Amino acid sequence: MNHVQHKLIKNKLLEKKFLRVLYKMVVDQYSITFDSYVKFIKEKSIIDGAIIFFVGGMIKDFVTKVMKEVIIPLTRGKIDVIKKFNIYDYGLEIFQLVLTSYLLFVLHRSVDKNF
């Protein structure tokens, strides 16, 4: 083996070693595991924000429906809206809102306790 070949082999070994060290540094710093993902989500309060936006969206949809179907027609003098008003539909939507927000709360608590 001549001097040039020896130098090329040595450089390739150094490159491999450098890449291994670099990879280890990246993996250690930005650990790509499920635990590190959950830790990131908890530290940055991502779940809290997602729950707030989700439940807020559901509340907005419910209020918009009540406004369009009940309040706005009543302000325009359409009394027959009260006859068409189905309390069970609105009650079911409120129940769905409460149940969904409770399940999201349970999910949030389980993530906080288990990870």
C-alpha atoms as a PDB file:
ATOM      1  CA  MET A   1       0.000   0.000   0.000  1.00  0.00           C
ATOM      2  CA  ASN A   2       1.440   3.308  -0.966  1.00  0.00           C
ATOM      3  CA  HIS A   3       1.368   6.531   0.985  1.00  0.00           C
ATOM      4  CA  VAL A   4      -1.607   8.011  -0.948  1.00  0.00           C
ATOM      5  CA  GLN A   5      -3.775   4.942  -0.414  1.00  0.00           C
ATOM      6  CA  HIS A   6      -2.896   4.880   3.264  1.00  0.00           C
ATOM      7  CA  LYS A   7      -3.869   8.561   3.574  1.00  0.00           C
ATOM      8  CA  LEU A   8      -7.210   7.965   1.778  1.00  0.00           C
ATOM      9  CA  ILE A   9      -8.075   5.050   4.063  1.00  0.00           C
ATOM     10  CA  LYS A  10      -7.125   7.082   7.113  1.00  0.00           C
ATOM     11  CA  ASN A  11      -9.277  10.001   5.919  1.00  0.00           C
ATOM     12  CA  LYS A  12     -12.268   7.710   5.297  1.00  0.00           C
ATOM     13  CA  LEU A  13     -11.926   6.218   8.772  1.00  0.00           C
ATOM     14  CA  LEU A  14     -11.736   9.701  10.258  1.00  0.00           C
ATOM     15  CA  GLU A  15     -14.813  10.731   8.244  1.00  0.00           C
ATOM     16  CA  LYS A  16     -16.732   7.705   9.518  1.00  0.00           C
ATOM     17  CA  LYS A  17     -15.657   8.415  13.086  1.00  0.00           C
ATOM     18  CA  PHE A  18     -16.600  12.080  12.700  1.00  0.00           C
ATOM     19  CA  LEU A  19     -19.994  11.127  11.271  1.00  0.00           C
ATOM     20  CA  ARG A  20     -20.612   8.694  14.145  1.00  0.00           C
ATOM     21  CA  VAL A  21     -19.716  11.352  16.709  1.00  0.00           C
ATOM     22  CA  LEU A  22     -21.835  13.928  14.899  1.00  0.00           C
ATOM     23  CA  TYR A  23     -24.766  11.510  14.697  1.00  0.00           C
ATOM     24  CA  LYS A  24     -24.471  10.722  18.404  1.00  0.00           C
ATOM     25  CA  MET A  25     -24.416  14.430  19.233  1.00  0.00           C
ATOM     26  CA  VAL A  26     -27.519  15.078  17.130  1.00  0.00           C
ATOM     27  CA  VAL A  27     -29.391  12.076  18.491  1.00  0.00           C
ATOM     28  CA  ASP A  28     -28.470  12.944  22.074  1.00  0.00           C
ATOM     29  CA  GLN A  29     -29.395  16.586  21.658  1.00  0.00           C
ATOM     30  CA  TYR A  30     -32.548  16.037  19.608  1.00  0.00           C
ATOM     31  CA  SER A  31     -33.555  12.671  20.883  1.00  0.00           C
ATOM     32  CA  ILE A  32     -36.027  11.232  18.409  1.00  0.00           C
ATOM     33  CA  THR A  33     -37.953   8.930  20.709  1.00  0.00           C
ATOM     34  CA  PHE A  34     -41.563   8.848  21.802  1.00  0.00           C
ATOM     35  CA  ASP A  35     -40.566   9.836  25.348  1.00  0.00           C
ATOM     36  CA  SER A  36     -38.680  12.886  24.142  1.00  0.00           C
ATOM     37  CA  TYR A  37     -41.653  13.808  21.938  1.00  0.00           C
ATOM     38  CA  VAL A  38     -44.036  13.610  24.911  1.00  0.00           C
ATOM     39  CA  LYS A  39     -41.567  15.577  27.037  1.00  0.00           C
ATOM     40  CA  PHE A  40     -41.405  18.273  24.347  1.00  0.00           C
ATOM     41  CA  ILE A  41     -45.202  18.435  24.151  1.00  0.00           C
ATOM     42  CA  LYS A  42     -45.486  18.752  27.924  1.00  0.00           C
ATOM     43  CA  GLU A  43     -42.752  21.365  28.285  1.00  0.00           C
ATOM     44  CA  LYS A  44     -44.123  23.558  25.506  1.00  0.00           C
ATOM     45  CA  SER A  45     -47.766  23.174  26.697  1.00  0.00           C
ATOM     46  CA  ILE A  46     -48.819  22.039  23.244  1.00  0.00           C
ATOM     47  CA  ILE A  47     -51.547  19.755  24.570  1.00  0.00           C
ATOM     48  CA  ASP A  48     -52.971  22.581  26.677  1.00  0.00           C
ATOM     49  CA  GLY A  49     -53.132  24.879  23.677  1.00  0.00           C
ATOM     50  CA  ALA A  50     -54.643  22.212  21.440  1.00  0.00           C
ATOM     51  CA  ILE A  51     -57.359  21.442  23.977  1.00  0.00           C
ATOM     52  CA  ILE A  52     -58.144  25.135  24.389  1.00  0.00           C
ATOM     53  CA  PHE A  53     -58.447  25.652  20.622  1.00  0.00           C
ATOM     54  CA  PHE A  54     -60.506  22.484  20.142  1.00  0.00           C
ATOM     55  CA  VAL A  55     -62.992  23.188  22.942  1.00  0.00           C
ATOM     56  CA  GLY A  56     -63.094  26.860  21.984  1.00  0.00           C
ATOM     57  CA  GLY A  57     -63.978  25.881  18.420  1.00  0.00           C
ATOM     58  CA  MET A  58     -66.781  23.655  19.653  1.00  0.00           C
ATOM     59  CA  ILE A  59     -68.162  26.453  21.843  1.00  0.00           C
ATOM     60  CA  LYS A  60     -67.948  28.922  18.939  1.00  0.00           C
ATOM     61  CA  ASP A  61     -69.866  26.518  16.685  1.00  0.00           C
ATOM     62  CA  PHE A  62     -72.558  26.039  19.328  1.00  0.00           C
ATOM     63  CA  VAL A  63     -72.964  29.773  19.956  1.00  0.00           C
ATOM     64  CA  THR A  64     -73.069  30.459  16.207  1.00  0.00           C
ATOM     65  CA  LYS A  65     -75.809  27.844  15.783  1.00  0.00           C
ATOM     66  CA  VAL A  66     -77.882  29.337  18.625  1.00  0.00           C
ATOM     67  CA  MET A  67     -77.419  32.821  17.192  1.00  0.00           C
ATOM     68  CA  LYS A  68     -78.442  31.814  13.647  1.00  0.00           C
ATOM     69  CA  GLU A  69     -81.329  29.533  14.570  1.00  0.00           C
ATOM     70  CA  VAL A  70     -82.823  31.279  17.608  1.00  0.00           C
ATOM     71  CA  ILE A  71     -81.574  34.700  18.622  1.00  0.00           C
ATOM     72  CA  ILE A  72     -81.333  36.466  15.244  1.00  0.00           C
ATOM     73  CA  PRO A  73     -84.782  35.266  14.067  1.00  0.00           C
ATOM     74  CA  LEU A  74     -86.294  36.321  17.416  1.00  0.00           C
ATOM     75  CA  THR A  75     -84.792  39.803  17.133  1.00  0.00           C
ATOM     76  CA  ARG A  76     -86.402  40.089  13.701  1.00  0.00           C
ATOM     77  CA  GLY A  77     -89.807  39.302  15.177  1.00  0.00           C
ATOM     78  CA  LYS A  78     -90.112  35.707  14.012  1.00  0.00           C
ATOM     79  CA  ILE A  79     -91.873  34.174  17.001  1.00  0.00           C
ATOM     80  CA  ASP A  80     -92.540  30.864  15.202  1.00  0.00           C
ATOM     81  CA  VAL A  81     -88.868  29.993  15.839  1.00  0.00           C
ATOM     82  CA  ILE A  82     -89.822  29.122  19.401  1.00  0.00           C
ATOM     83  CA  LYS A  83     -92.236  26.471  18.121  1.00  0.00           C
ATOM     84  CA  LYS A  84     -89.481  24.890  15.985  1.00  0.00           C
ATOM     85  CA  PHE A  85     -86.963  25.086  18.831  1.00  0.00           C
ATOM     86  CA  ASN A  86     -85.865  21.570  19.792  1.00  0.00           C
ATOM     87  CA  ILE A  87     -84.347  21.626  23.251  1.00  0.00           C
ATOM     88  CA  TYR A  88     -83.052  18.052  22.844  1.00  0.00           C
ATOM     89  CA  ASP A  89     -80.766  18.991  19.943  1.00  0.00           C
ATOM     90  CA  TYR A  90     -79.206  21.805  21.930  1.00  0.00           C
ATOM     91  CA  GLY A  91     -79.024  19.688  25.070  1.00  0.00           C
ATOM     92  CA  LEU A  92     -77.297  16.937  23.103  1.00  0.00           C
ATOM     93  CA  GLU A  93     -74.763  19.422  21.740  1.00  0.00           C
ATOM     94  CA  ILE A  94     -74.052  20.738  25.241  1.00  0.00           C
ATOM     95  CA  PHE A  95     -73.652  17.161  26.496  1.00  0.00           C
ATOM     96  CA  GLN A  96     -71.294  16.401  23.600  1.00  0.00           C
ATOM     97  CA  LEU A  97     -69.261  19.514  24.415  1.00  0.00           C
ATOM     98  CA  VAL A  98     -68.980  18.586  28.087  1.00  0.00           C
ATOM     99  CA  LEU A  99     -68.160  14.937  27.346  1.00  0.00           C
ATOM    100  CA  THR A 100     -65.523  15.834  24.741  1.00  0.00           C
ATOM    101  CA  SER A 101     -63.851  18.383  26.993  1.00  0.00           C
ATOM    102  CA  TYR A 102     -63.883  15.859  29.868  1.00  0.00           C
ATOM    103  CA  LEU A 103     -62.269  13.166  27.702  1.00  0.00           C
ATOM    104  CA  LEU A 104     -59.611  15.640  26.579  1.00  0.00           C
ATOM    105  CA  PHE A 105     -59.030  16.507  30.246  1.00  0.00           C
ATOM    106  CA  VAL A 106     -58.575  12.800  31.074  1.00  0.00           C
ATOM    107  CA  LEU A 107     -56.160  12.424  28.155  1.00  0.00           C
ATOM    108  CA  HIS A 108     -54.188  15.443  29.354  1.00  0.00           C
ATOM    109  CA  ARG A 109     -54.017  14.116  32.924  1.00  0.00           C
ATOM    110  CA  SER A 110     -52.887  10.678  31.774  1.00  0.00           C
ATOM    111  CA  VAL A 111     -50.093  12.187  29.674  1.00  0.00           C
ATOM    112  CA  ASP A 112     -49.007  14.335  32.626  1.00  0.00           C
ATOM    113  CA  LYS A 113     -48.967  11.425  35.073  1.00  0.00           C
ATOM    114  CA  ASN A 114     -47.521   8.696  32.870  1.00  0.00           C
ATOM    115  CA  PHE A 115     -44.774  10.511  31.012  1.00  0.00           C
END
